[in-house]
Amino acid sequence: MAILTATAITGYKADTLRKIARARYKIGNTYYEPIIDRREWLPDGRVAIYFSITPGVSGNVTITEVQLFDTNNDLWASKVENIVISGVQEGILYRFAFDFKEV
């Protein structure tokens, strides 16, 4: 039997979209802070945070970590990655998607 109501779960989702303040990605030993492009509710009920990774350097680079920070500047989410981006013109749109369920 669920303890939390649908309203409570919706509140957690809405709060997540409000509390995420900034993103970061790592290339080599350096972190870069892109602008968060958008925040949205996905059709399946998850919430998503998007940001662009465009290194702007020639040659190949590897993104090794992506992070999100909250409004208190605390690390909120972190994921190890191995994303290779080649050439100065290439980039990617990265998405963190979160689903909140009571288990």
PDB file of N, CA and C in Angstrom:
ATOM      1  N   MET A   1       0.839  -1.175   0.000  1.00  0.00           N
ATOM      2  CA  MET A   1       0.000   0.000   0.000  1.00  0.00           C
ATOM      3  C   MET A   1       0.888   1.244   0.000  1.00  0.00           C
ATOM      4  N   ALA A   2       0.588   2.156  -0.891  1.00  0.00           N
ATOM      5  CA  ALA A   2       1.358   3.393  -1.001  1.00  0.00           C
ATOM      6  C   ALA A   2       1.028   4.337   0.146  1.00  0.00           C
ATOM      7  N   ILE A   3       2.054   4.995   0.641  1.00  0.00           N
ATOM      8  CA  ILE A   3       1.887   5.991   1.698  1.00  0.00           C
ATOM      9  C   ILE A   3       1.730   7.377   1.084  1.00  0.00           C
ATOM     10  N   LEU A   4       2.550   7.661   0.069  1.00  0.00           N
ATOM     11  CA  LEU A   4       2.515   8.966  -0.578  1.00  0.00           C
ATOM     12  C   LEU A   4       1.365   9.037  -1.579  1.00  0.00           C
ATOM     13  N   THR A   5       0.747  10.195  -1.641  1.00  0.00           N
ATOM     14  CA  THR A   5      -0.320  10.410  -2.614  1.00  0.00           C
ATOM     15  C   THR A   5       0.289  10.818  -3.949  1.00  0.00           C
ATOM     16  N   ALA A   6      -0.542  10.789  -4.986  1.00  0.00           N
ATOM     17  CA  ALA A   6      -0.098  11.259  -6.299  1.00  0.00           C
ATOM     18  C   ALA A   6       0.305  12.725  -6.223  1.00  0.00           C
ATOM     19  N   THR A   7      -0.364  13.496  -5.388  1.00  0.00           N
ATOM     20  CA  THR A   7      -0.026  14.907  -5.207  1.00  0.00           C
ATOM     21  C   THR A   7       1.374  15.052  -4.622  1.00  0.00           C
ATOM     22  N   ALA A   8       1.736  14.199  -3.686  1.00  0.00           N
ATOM     23  CA  ALA A   8       3.072  14.248  -3.089  1.00  0.00           C
ATOM     24  C   ALA A   8       4.146  13.928  -4.124  1.00  0.00           C
ATOM     25  N   ILE A   9       3.930  12.903  -4.910  1.00  0.00           N
ATOM     26  CA  ILE A   9       4.904  12.530  -5.952  1.00  0.00           C
ATOM     27  C   ILE A   9       5.048  13.667  -6.961  1.00  0.00           C
ATOM     28  N   THR A  10       3.931  14.258  -7.359  1.00  0.00           N
ATOM     29  CA  THR A  10       3.968  15.392  -8.281  1.00  0.00           C
ATOM     30  C   THR A  10       4.749  16.551  -7.663  1.00  0.00           C
ATOM     31  N   GLY A  11       4.584  16.756  -6.370  1.00  0.00           N
ATOM     32  CA  GLY A  11       5.326  17.810  -5.679  1.00  0.00           C
ATOM     33  C   GLY A  11       6.823  17.575  -5.709  1.00  0.00           C
ATOM     34  N   TYR A  12       7.251  16.337  -5.526  1.00  0.00           N
ATOM     35  CA  TYR A  12       8.685  16.018  -5.597  1.00  0.00           C
ATOM     36  C   TYR A  12       9.231  16.293  -6.998  1.00  0.00           C
ATOM     37  N   LYS A  13       8.464  15.948  -8.008  1.00  0.00           N
ATOM     38  CA  LYS A  13       8.900  16.191  -9.381  1.00  0.00           C
ATOM     39  C   LYS A  13       9.030  17.687  -9.660  1.00  0.00           C
ATOM     40  N   ALA A  14       8.026  18.448  -9.265  1.00  0.00           N
ATOM     41  CA  ALA A  14       8.047  19.898  -9.490  1.00  0.00           C
ATOM     42  C   ALA A  14       9.199  20.542  -8.721  1.00  0.00           C
ATOM     43  N   ASP A  15       9.433  20.091  -7.500  1.00  0.00           N
ATOM     44  CA  ASP A  15      10.518  20.624  -6.685  1.00  0.00           C
ATOM     45  C   ASP A  15      11.868  20.338  -7.339  1.00  0.00           C
ATOM     46  N   THR A  16      12.023  19.170  -7.923  1.00  0.00           N
ATOM     47  CA  THR A  16      13.269  18.824  -8.607  1.00  0.00           C
ATOM     48  C   THR A  16      13.539  19.798  -9.748  1.00  0.00           C
ATOM     49  N   LEU A  17      12.526  20.084 -10.545  1.00  0.00           N
ATOM     50  CA  LEU A  17      12.723  21.012 -11.658  1.00  0.00           C
ATOM     51  C   LEU A  17      13.097  22.404 -11.171  1.00  0.00           C
ATOM     52  N   ARG A  18      12.584  22.817 -10.025  1.00  0.00           N
ATOM     53  CA  ARG A  18      12.909  24.138  -9.463  1.00  0.00           C
ATOM     54  C   ARG A  18      14.279  24.173  -8.806  1.00  0.00           C
ATOM     55  N   LYS A  19      14.676  23.100  -8.163  1.00  0.00           N
ATOM     56  CA  LYS A  19      15.896  23.102  -7.342  1.00  0.00           C
ATOM     57  C   LYS A  19      17.188  22.926  -8.132  1.00  0.00           C
ATOM     58  N   ILE A  20      17.126  22.327  -9.307  1.00  0.00           N
ATOM     59  CA  ILE A  20      18.350  22.144 -10.090  1.00  0.00           C
ATOM     60  C   ILE A  20      18.764  23.507 -10.639  1.00  0.00           C
ATOM     61  N   ALA A  21      19.965  23.949 -10.255  1.00  0.00           N
ATOM     62  CA  ALA A  21      20.410  25.300 -10.602  1.00  0.00           C
ATOM     63  C   ALA A  21      21.452  25.335 -11.717  1.00  0.00           C
ATOM     64  N   ARG A  22      22.318  24.313 -11.751  1.00  0.00           N
ATOM     65  CA  ARG A  22      23.386  24.351 -12.754  1.00  0.00           C
ATOM     66  C   ARG A  22      23.869  22.945 -13.083  1.00  0.00           C
ATOM     67  N   ALA A  23      24.548  22.868 -14.224  1.00  0.00           N
ATOM     68  CA  ALA A  23      25.098  21.602 -14.702  1.00  0.00           C
ATOM     69  C   ALA A  23      26.600  21.764 -14.900  1.00  0.00           C
ATOM     70  N   ARG A  24      27.277  20.636 -14.963  1.00  0.00           N
ATOM     71  CA  ARG A  24      28.721  20.612 -15.200  1.00  0.00           C
ATOM     72  C   ARG A  24      29.071  19.341 -15.961  1.00  0.00           C
ATOM     73  N   TYR A  25      30.096  19.424 -16.808  1.00  0.00           N
ATOM     74  CA  TYR A  25      30.650  18.221 -17.434  1.00  0.00           C
ATOM     75  C   TYR A  25      32.166  18.302 -17.379  1.00  0.00           C
ATOM     76  N   LYS A  26      32.802  17.141 -17.472  1.00  0.00           N
ATOM     77  CA  LYS A  26      34.258  17.057 -17.298  1.00  0.00           C
ATOM     78  C   LYS A  26      34.917  16.526 -18.565  1.00  0.00           C
ATOM     79  N   ILE A  27      35.948  17.243 -18.988  1.00  0.00           N
ATOM     80  CA  ILE A  27      36.836  16.800 -20.062  1.00  0.00           C
ATOM     81  C   ILE A  27      38.239  16.831 -19.488  1.00  0.00           C
ATOM     82  N   GLY A  28      38.903  15.680 -19.476  1.00  0.00           N
ATOM     83  CA  GLY A  28      40.232  15.613 -18.850  1.00  0.00           C
ATOM     84  C   GLY A  28      40.100  15.911 -17.371  1.00  0.00           C
ATOM     85  N   ASN A  29      40.839  16.903 -16.885  1.00  0.00           N
ATOM     86  CA  ASN A  29      40.760  17.303 -15.478  1.00  0.00           C
ATOM     87  C   ASN A  29      39.989  18.602 -15.284  1.00  0.00           C
ATOM     88  N   THR A  30      39.318  19.071 -16.336  1.00  0.00           N
ATOM     89  CA  THR A  30      38.648  20.365 -16.285  1.00  0.00           C
ATOM     90  C   THR A  30      37.134  20.203 -16.364  1.00  0.00           C
ATOM     91  N   TYR A  31      36.446  20.949 -15.491  1.00  0.00           N
ATOM     92  CA  TYR A  31      34.982  20.985 -15.521  1.00  0.00           C
ATOM     93  C   TYR A  31      34.519  22.225 -16.269  1.00  0.00           C
ATOM     94  N   TYR A  32      33.431  22.078 -17.015  1.00  0.00           N
ATOM     95  CA  TYR A  32      32.820  23.174 -17.755  1.00  0.00           C
ATOM     96  C   TYR A  32      31.362  23.284 -17.315  1.00  0.00           C
ATOM     97  N   GLU A  33      30.846  24.514 -17.295  1.00  0.00           N
ATOM     98  CA  GLU A  33      29.480  24.747 -16.841  1.00  0.00           C
ATOM     99  C   GLU A  33      28.625  25.291 -17.982  1.00  0.00           C
ATOM    100  N   PRO A  34      27.856  24.425 -18.600  1.00  0.00           N
ATOM    101  CA  PRO A  34      26.953  24.885 -19.654  1.00  0.00           C
ATOM    102  C   PRO A  34      25.685  25.484 -19.040  1.00  0.00           C
ATOM    103  N   ILE A  35      24.947  26.185 -19.842  1.00  0.00           N
ATOM    104  CA  ILE A  35      23.651  26.702 -19.427  1.00  0.00           C
ATOM    105  C   ILE A  35      22.632  25.562 -19.547  1.00  0.00           C
ATOM    106  N   ILE A  36      21.764  25.447 -18.571  1.00  0.00           N
ATOM    107  CA  ILE A  36      20.682  24.464 -18.674  1.00  0.00           C
ATOM    108  C   ILE A  36      19.725  24.966 -19.743  1.00  0.00           C
ATOM    109  N   ASP A  37      19.533  24.149 -20.786  1.00  0.00           N
ATOM    110  CA  ASP A  37      18.706  24.543 -21.927  1.00  0.00           C
ATOM    111  C   ASP A  37      17.216  24.503 -21.621  1.00  0.00           C
ATOM    112  N   ARG A  38      16.783  23.442 -20.944  1.00  0.00           N
ATOM    113  CA  ARG A  38      15.360  23.349 -20.619  1.00  0.00           C
ATOM    114  C   ARG A  38      15.116  22.317 -19.535  1.00  0.00           C
ATOM    115  N   ARG A  39      13.939  22.451 -18.952  1.00  0.00           N
ATOM    116  CA  ARG A  39      13.442  21.530 -17.917  1.00  0.00           C
ATOM    117  C   ARG A  39      12.023  21.183 -18.340  1.00  0.00           C
ATOM    118  N   GLU A  40      11.670  19.912 -18.255  1.00  0.00           N
ATOM    119  CA  GLU A  40      10.328  19.566 -18.701  1.00  0.00           C
ATOM    120  C   GLU A  40       9.807  18.282 -18.079  1.00  0.00           C
ATOM    121  N   TRP A  41       8.495  18.138 -18.159  1.00  0.00           N
ATOM    122  CA  TRP A  41       7.821  16.892 -17.802  1.00  0.00           C
ATOM    123  C   TRP A  41       7.728  16.077 -19.082  1.00  0.00           C
ATOM    124  N   LEU A  42       8.181  14.849 -19.043  1.00  0.00           N
ATOM    125  CA  LEU A  42       8.100  13.960 -20.201  1.00  0.00           C
ATOM    126  C   LEU A  42       6.716  13.304 -20.233  1.00  0.00           C
ATOM    127  N   PRO A  43       6.274  12.852 -21.418  1.00  0.00           N
ATOM    128  CA  PRO A  43       4.950  12.234 -21.522  1.00  0.00           C
ATOM    129  C   PRO A  43       4.747  11.023 -20.598  1.00  0.00           C
ATOM    130  N   ASP A  44       5.835  10.334 -20.248  1.00  0.00           N
ATOM    131  CA  ASP A  44       5.711   9.154 -19.383  1.00  0.00           C
ATOM    132  C   ASP A  44       5.727   9.511 -17.892  1.00  0.00           C
ATOM    133  N   GLY A  45       5.739  10.821 -17.557  1.00  0.00           N
ATOM    134  CA  GLY A  45       5.684  11.247 -16.170  1.00  0.00           C
ATOM    135  C   GLY A  45       7.020  11.578 -15.537  1.00  0.00           C
ATOM    136  N   ARG A  46       8.127  11.237 -16.196  1.00  0.00           N
ATOM    137  CA  ARG A  46       9.437  11.600 -15.663  1.00  0.00           C
ATOM    138  C   ARG A  46       9.676  13.087 -15.860  1.00  0.00           C
ATOM    139  N   VAL A  47      10.645  13.633 -15.118  1.00  0.00           N
ATOM    140  CA  VAL A  47      11.071  15.013 -15.329  1.00  0.00           C
ATOM    141  C   VAL A  47      12.481  14.975 -15.905  1.00  0.00           C
ATOM    142  N   ALA A  48      12.800  15.976 -16.734  1.00  0.00           N
ATOM    143  CA  ALA A  48      14.086  15.963 -17.427  1.00  0.00           C
ATOM    144  C   ALA A  48      14.744  17.334 -17.386  1.00  0.00           C
ATOM    145  N   ILE A  49      16.071  17.300 -17.316  1.00  0.00           N
ATOM    146  CA  ILE A  49      16.921  18.491 -17.367  1.00  0.00           C
ATOM    147  C   ILE A  49      17.856  18.305 -18.559  1.00  0.00           C
ATOM    148  N   TYR A  50      17.934  19.306 -19.445  1.00  0.00           N
ATOM    149  CA  TYR A  50      18.758  19.225 -20.650  1.00  0.00           C
ATOM    150  C   TYR A  50      19.829  20.303 -20.642  1.00  0.00           C
ATOM    151  N   PHE A  51      21.009  19.947 -21.142  1.00  0.00           N
ATOM    152  CA  PHE A  51      22.055  20.944 -21.384  1.00  0.00           C
ATOM    153  C   PHE A  51      22.913  20.489 -22.549  1.00  0.00           C
ATOM    154  N   SER A  52      23.505  21.477 -23.241  1.00  0.00           N
ATOM    155  CA  SER A  52      24.337  21.190 -24.411  1.00  0.00           C
ATOM    156  C   SER A  52      25.793  21.073 -24.002  1.00  0.00           C
ATOM    157  N   ILE A  53      26.446  20.097 -24.588  1.00  0.00           N
ATOM    158  CA  ILE A  53      27.889  19.922 -24.405  1.00  0.00           C
ATOM    159  C   ILE A  53      28.532  20.212 -25.758  1.00  0.00           C
ATOM    160  N   THR A  54      29.180  21.357 -25.855  1.00  0.00           N
ATOM    161  CA  THR A  54      29.844  21.777 -27.088  1.00  0.00           C
ATOM    162  C   THR A  54      31.251  22.250 -26.724  1.00  0.00           C
ATOM    163  N   PRO A  55      32.213  21.348 -26.745  1.00  0.00           N
ATOM    164  CA  PRO A  55      33.561  21.667 -26.273  1.00  0.00           C
ATOM    165  C   PRO A  55      34.254  22.804 -27.021  1.00  0.00           C
ATOM    166  N   GLY A  56      33.997  22.962 -28.321  1.00  0.00           N
ATOM    167  CA  GLY A  56      34.615  24.057 -29.062  1.00  0.00           C
ATOM    168  C   GLY A  56      36.113  23.936 -29.230  1.00  0.00           C
ATOM    169  N   VAL A  57      36.619  22.721 -29.285  1.00  0.00           N
ATOM    170  CA  VAL A  57      38.049  22.499 -29.515  1.00  0.00           C
ATOM    171  C   VAL A  57      38.203  21.597 -30.726  1.00  0.00           C
ATOM    172  N   SER A  58      39.357  21.666 -31.383  1.00  0.00           N
ATOM    173  CA  SER A  58      39.595  20.780 -32.511  1.00  0.00           C
ATOM    174  C   SER A  58      40.045  19.418 -31.998  1.00  0.00           C
ATOM    175  N   GLY A  59      39.744  18.407 -32.749  1.00  0.00           N
ATOM    176  CA  GLY A  59      40.115  17.054 -32.358  1.00  0.00           C
ATOM    177  C   GLY A  59      39.066  16.415 -31.470  1.00  0.00           C
ATOM    178  N   ASN A  60      39.344  15.197 -31.077  1.00  0.00           N
ATOM    179  CA  ASN A  60      38.407  14.438 -30.251  1.00  0.00           C
ATOM    180  C   ASN A  60      38.576  14.779 -28.778  1.00  0.00           C
ATOM    181  N   VAL A  61      37.451  14.809 -28.065  1.00  0.00           N
ATOM    182  CA  VAL A  61      37.462  14.951 -26.613  1.00  0.00           C
ATOM    183  C   VAL A  61      36.521  13.898 -26.043  1.00  0.00           C
ATOM    184  N   THR A  62      36.763  13.546 -24.796  1.00  0.00           N
ATOM    185  CA  THR A  62      35.913  12.564 -24.125  1.00  0.00           C
ATOM    186  C   THR A  62      35.305  13.196 -22.880  1.00  0.00           C
ATOM    187  N   ILE A  63      33.990  13.163 -22.806  1.00  0.00           N
ATOM    188  CA  ILE A  63      33.267  13.614 -21.620  1.00  0.00           C
ATOM    189  C   ILE A  63      33.300  12.445 -20.644  1.00  0.00           C
ATOM    190  N   THR A  64      33.853  12.657 -19.455  1.00  0.00           N
ATOM    191  CA  THR A  64      34.005  11.560 -18.497  1.00  0.00           C
ATOM    192  C   THR A  64      33.049  11.628 -17.318  1.00  0.00           C
ATOM    193  N   GLU A  65      32.393  12.778 -17.135  1.00  0.00           N
ATOM    194  CA  GLU A  65      31.455  12.906 -16.029  1.00  0.00           C
ATOM    195  C   GLU A  65      30.485  14.039 -16.318  1.00  0.00           C
ATOM    196  N   VAL A  66      29.243  13.873 -15.866  1.00  0.00           N
ATOM    197  CA  VAL A  66      28.241  14.940 -15.930  1.00  0.00           C
ATOM    198  C   VAL A  66      27.625  15.078 -14.543  1.00  0.00           C
ATOM    199  N   GLN A  67      27.272  16.318 -14.186  1.00  0.00           N
ATOM    200  CA  GLN A  67      26.766  16.575 -12.836  1.00  0.00           C
ATOM    201  C   GLN A  67      25.661  17.622 -12.869  1.00  0.00           C
ATOM    202  N   LEU A  68      24.804  17.568 -11.845  1.00  0.00           N
ATOM    203  CA  LEU A  68      23.814  18.604 -11.592  1.00  0.00           C
ATOM    204  C   LEU A  68      23.972  19.085 -10.158  1.00  0.00           C
ATOM    205  N   PHE A  69      23.778  20.391  -9.953  1.00  0.00           N
ATOM    206  CA  PHE A  69      23.869  20.995  -8.625  1.00  0.00           C
ATOM    207  C   PHE A  69      22.556  21.693  -8.310  1.00  0.00           C
ATOM    208  N   ASP A  70      22.208  21.706  -7.027  1.00  0.00           N
ATOM    209  CA  ASP A  70      20.963  22.356  -6.621  1.00  0.00           C
ATOM    210  C   ASP A  70      21.192  23.822  -6.268  1.00  0.00           C
ATOM    211  N   THR A  71      20.132  24.476  -5.837  1.00  0.00           N
ATOM    212  CA  THR A  71      20.203  25.902  -5.532  1.00  0.00           C
ATOM    213  C   THR A  71      21.091  26.215  -4.330  1.00  0.00           C
ATOM    214  N   ASN A  72      21.428  25.216  -3.514  1.00  0.00           N
ATOM    215  CA  ASN A  72      22.368  25.391  -2.405  1.00  0.00           C
ATOM    216  C   ASN A  72      23.808  25.139  -2.838  1.00  0.00           C
ATOM    217  N   ASN A  73      23.999  24.883  -4.137  1.00  0.00           N
ATOM    218  CA  ASN A  73      25.298  24.555  -4.718  1.00  0.00           C
ATOM    219  C   ASN A  73      25.821  23.197  -4.239  1.00  0.00           C
ATOM    220  N   ASP A  74      24.910  22.331  -3.821  1.00  0.00           N
ATOM    221  CA  ASP A  74      25.263  20.962  -3.438  1.00  0.00           C
ATOM    222  C   ASP A  74      25.134  20.052  -4.649  1.00  0.00           C
ATOM    223  N   LEU A  75      26.040  19.089  -4.750  1.00  0.00           N
ATOM    224  CA  LEU A  75      25.955  18.106  -5.827  1.00  0.00           C
ATOM    225  C   LEU A  75      24.669  17.318  -5.665  1.00  0.00           C
ATOM    226  N   TRP A  76      23.845  17.309  -6.704  1.00  0.00           N
ATOM    227  CA  TRP A  76      22.537  16.675  -6.650  1.00  0.00           C
ATOM    228  C   TRP A  76      22.529  15.356  -7.420  1.00  0.00           C
ATOM    229  N   ALA A  77      23.257  15.305  -8.532  1.00  0.00           N
ATOM    230  CA  ALA A  77      23.346  14.087  -9.339  1.00  0.00           C
ATOM    231  C   ALA A  77      24.686  14.071 -10.054  1.00  0.00           C
ATOM    232  N   SER A  78      25.253  12.883 -10.197  1.00  0.00           N
ATOM    233  CA  SER A  78      26.531  12.733 -10.876  1.00  0.00           C
ATOM    234  C   SER A  78      26.537  11.403 -11.605  1.00  0.00           C
ATOM    235  N   LYS A  79      27.081  11.407 -12.815  1.00  0.00           N
ATOM    236  CA  LYS A  79      27.144  10.171 -13.589  1.00  0.00           C
ATOM    237  C   LYS A  79      28.471  10.105 -14.337  1.00  0.00           C
ATOM    238  N   VAL A  80      29.149   8.987 -14.221  1.00  0.00           N
ATOM    239  CA  VAL A  80      30.372   8.740 -14.987  1.00  0.00           C
ATOM    240  C   VAL A  80      29.949   8.412 -16.416  1.00  0.00           C
ATOM    241  N   GLU A  81      30.642   9.002 -17.367  1.00  0.00           N
ATOM    242  CA  GLU A  81      30.339   8.792 -18.780  1.00  0.00           C
ATOM    243  C   GLU A  81      31.611   8.488 -19.549  1.00  0.00           C
ATOM    244  N   ASN A  82      31.445   8.114 -20.804  1.00  0.00           N
ATOM    245  CA  ASN A  82      32.547   7.912 -21.731  1.00  0.00           C
ATOM    246  C   ASN A  82      32.033   8.298 -23.119  1.00  0.00           C
ATOM    247  N   ILE A  83      31.770   9.603 -23.293  1.00  0.00           N
ATOM    248  CA  ILE A  83      31.181  10.117 -24.522  1.00  0.00           C
ATOM    249  C   ILE A  83      32.272  10.816 -25.326  1.00  0.00           C
ATOM    250  N   VAL A  84      32.534  10.303 -26.519  1.00  0.00           N
ATOM    251  CA  VAL A  84      33.555  10.892 -27.388  1.00  0.00           C
ATOM    252  C   VAL A  84      32.868  11.860 -28.346  1.00  0.00           C
ATOM    253  N   ILE A  85      33.383  13.087 -28.392  1.00  0.00           N
ATOM    254  CA  ILE A  85      32.896  14.098 -29.325  1.00  0.00           C
ATOM    255  C   ILE A  85      34.063  14.449 -30.227  1.00  0.00           C
ATOM    256  N   SER A  86      33.843  14.395 -31.542  1.00  0.00           N
ATOM    257  CA  SER A  86      34.936  14.660 -32.477  1.00  0.00           C
ATOM    258  C   SER A  86      34.701  15.959 -33.234  1.00  0.00           C
ATOM    259  N   GLY A  87      35.754  16.738 -33.347  1.00  0.00           N
ATOM    260  CA  GLY A  87      35.723  17.954 -34.152  1.00  0.00           C
ATOM    261  C   GLY A  87      35.139  19.149 -33.435  1.00  0.00           C
ATOM    262  N   VAL A  88      35.508  20.308 -33.931  1.00  0.00           N
ATOM    263  CA  VAL A  88      35.102  21.563 -33.306  1.00  0.00           C
ATOM    264  C   VAL A  88      33.615  21.856 -33.516  1.00  0.00           C
ATOM    265  N   GLN A  89      33.003  21.314 -34.535  1.00  0.00           N
ATOM    266  CA  GLN A  89      31.616  21.635 -34.846  1.00  0.00           C
ATOM    267  C   GLN A  89      30.608  20.719 -34.150  1.00  0.00           C
ATOM    268  N   GLU A  90      31.067  19.661 -33.531  1.00  0.00           N
ATOM    269  CA  GLU A  90      30.144  18.707 -32.948  1.00  0.00           C
ATOM    270  C   GLU A  90      29.855  18.997 -31.486  1.00  0.00           C
ATOM    271  N   GLY A  91      28.702  18.563 -31.061  1.00  0.00           N
ATOM    272  CA  GLY A  91      28.300  18.662 -29.674  1.00  0.00           C
ATOM    273  C   GLY A  91      27.144  17.710 -29.443  1.00  0.00           C
ATOM    274  N   ILE A  92      26.680  17.658 -28.212  1.00  0.00           N
ATOM    275  CA  ILE A  92      25.552  16.796 -27.892  1.00  0.00           C
ATOM    276  C   ILE A  92      24.601  17.527 -26.959  1.00  0.00           C
ATOM    277  N   LEU A  93      23.356  17.108 -26.987  1.00  0.00           N
ATOM    278  CA  LEU A  93      22.373  17.564 -26.014  1.00  0.00           C
ATOM    279  C   LEU A  93      22.253  16.443 -24.991  1.00  0.00           C
ATOM    280  N   TYR A  94      22.613  16.734 -23.748  1.00  0.00           N
ATOM    281  CA  TYR A  94      22.604  15.726 -22.692  1.00  0.00           C
ATOM    282  C   TYR A  94      21.326  15.878 -21.881  1.00  0.00           C
ATOM    283  N   ARG A  95      20.748  14.734 -21.485  1.00  0.00           N
ATOM    284  CA  ARG A  95      19.524  14.757 -20.711  1.00  0.00           C
ATOM    285  C   ARG A  95      19.656  13.887 -19.466  1.00  0.00           C
ATOM    286  N   PHE A  96      19.360  14.485 -18.318  1.00  0.00           N
ATOM    287  CA  PHE A  96      19.120  13.734 -17.093  1.00  0.00           C
ATOM    288  C   PHE A  96      17.611  13.568 -17.010  1.00  0.00           C
ATOM    289  N   ALA A  97      17.120  12.350 -16.809  1.00  0.00           N
ATOM    290  CA  ALA A  97      15.681  12.111 -16.638  1.00  0.00           C
ATOM    291  C   ALA A  97      15.481  11.382 -15.318  1.00  0.00           C
ATOM    292  N   PHE A  98      14.497  11.843 -14.542  1.00  0.00           N
ATOM    293  CA  PHE A  98      14.239  11.283 -13.224  1.00  0.00           C
ATOM    294  C   PHE A  98      12.782  10.841 -13.114  1.00  0.00           C
ATOM    295  N   ASP A  99      12.613   9.709 -12.463  1.00  0.00           N
ATOM    296  CA  ASP A  99      11.281   9.192 -12.192  1.00  0.00           C
ATOM    297  C   ASP A  99      11.155   9.002 -10.685  1.00  0.00           C
ATOM    298  N   PHE A 100      10.063   9.422 -10.134  1.00  0.00           N
ATOM    299  CA  PHE A 100       9.836   9.302  -8.695  1.00  0.00           C
ATOM    300  C   PHE A 100       8.690   8.341  -8.470  1.00  0.00           C
ATOM    301  N   LYS A 101       8.996   7.268  -7.726  1.00  0.00           N
ATOM    302  CA  LYS A 101       7.991   6.253  -7.410  1.00  0.00           C
ATOM    303  C   LYS A 101       8.199   5.781  -5.994  1.00  0.00           C
ATOM    304  N   GLU A 102       7.132   5.494  -5.342  1.00  0.00           N
ATOM    305  CA  GLU A 102       7.217   4.910  -4.012  1.00  0.00           C
ATOM    306  C   GLU A 102       7.343   3.403  -4.166  1.00  0.00           C
ATOM    307  N   VAL A 103       8.298   2.817  -3.479  1.00  0.00           N
ATOM    308  CA  VAL A 103       8.471   1.358  -3.542  1.00  0.00           C
ATOM    309  C   VAL A 103       8.441   0.766  -2.139  1.00  0.00           C
TER     310      VAL A 103
END
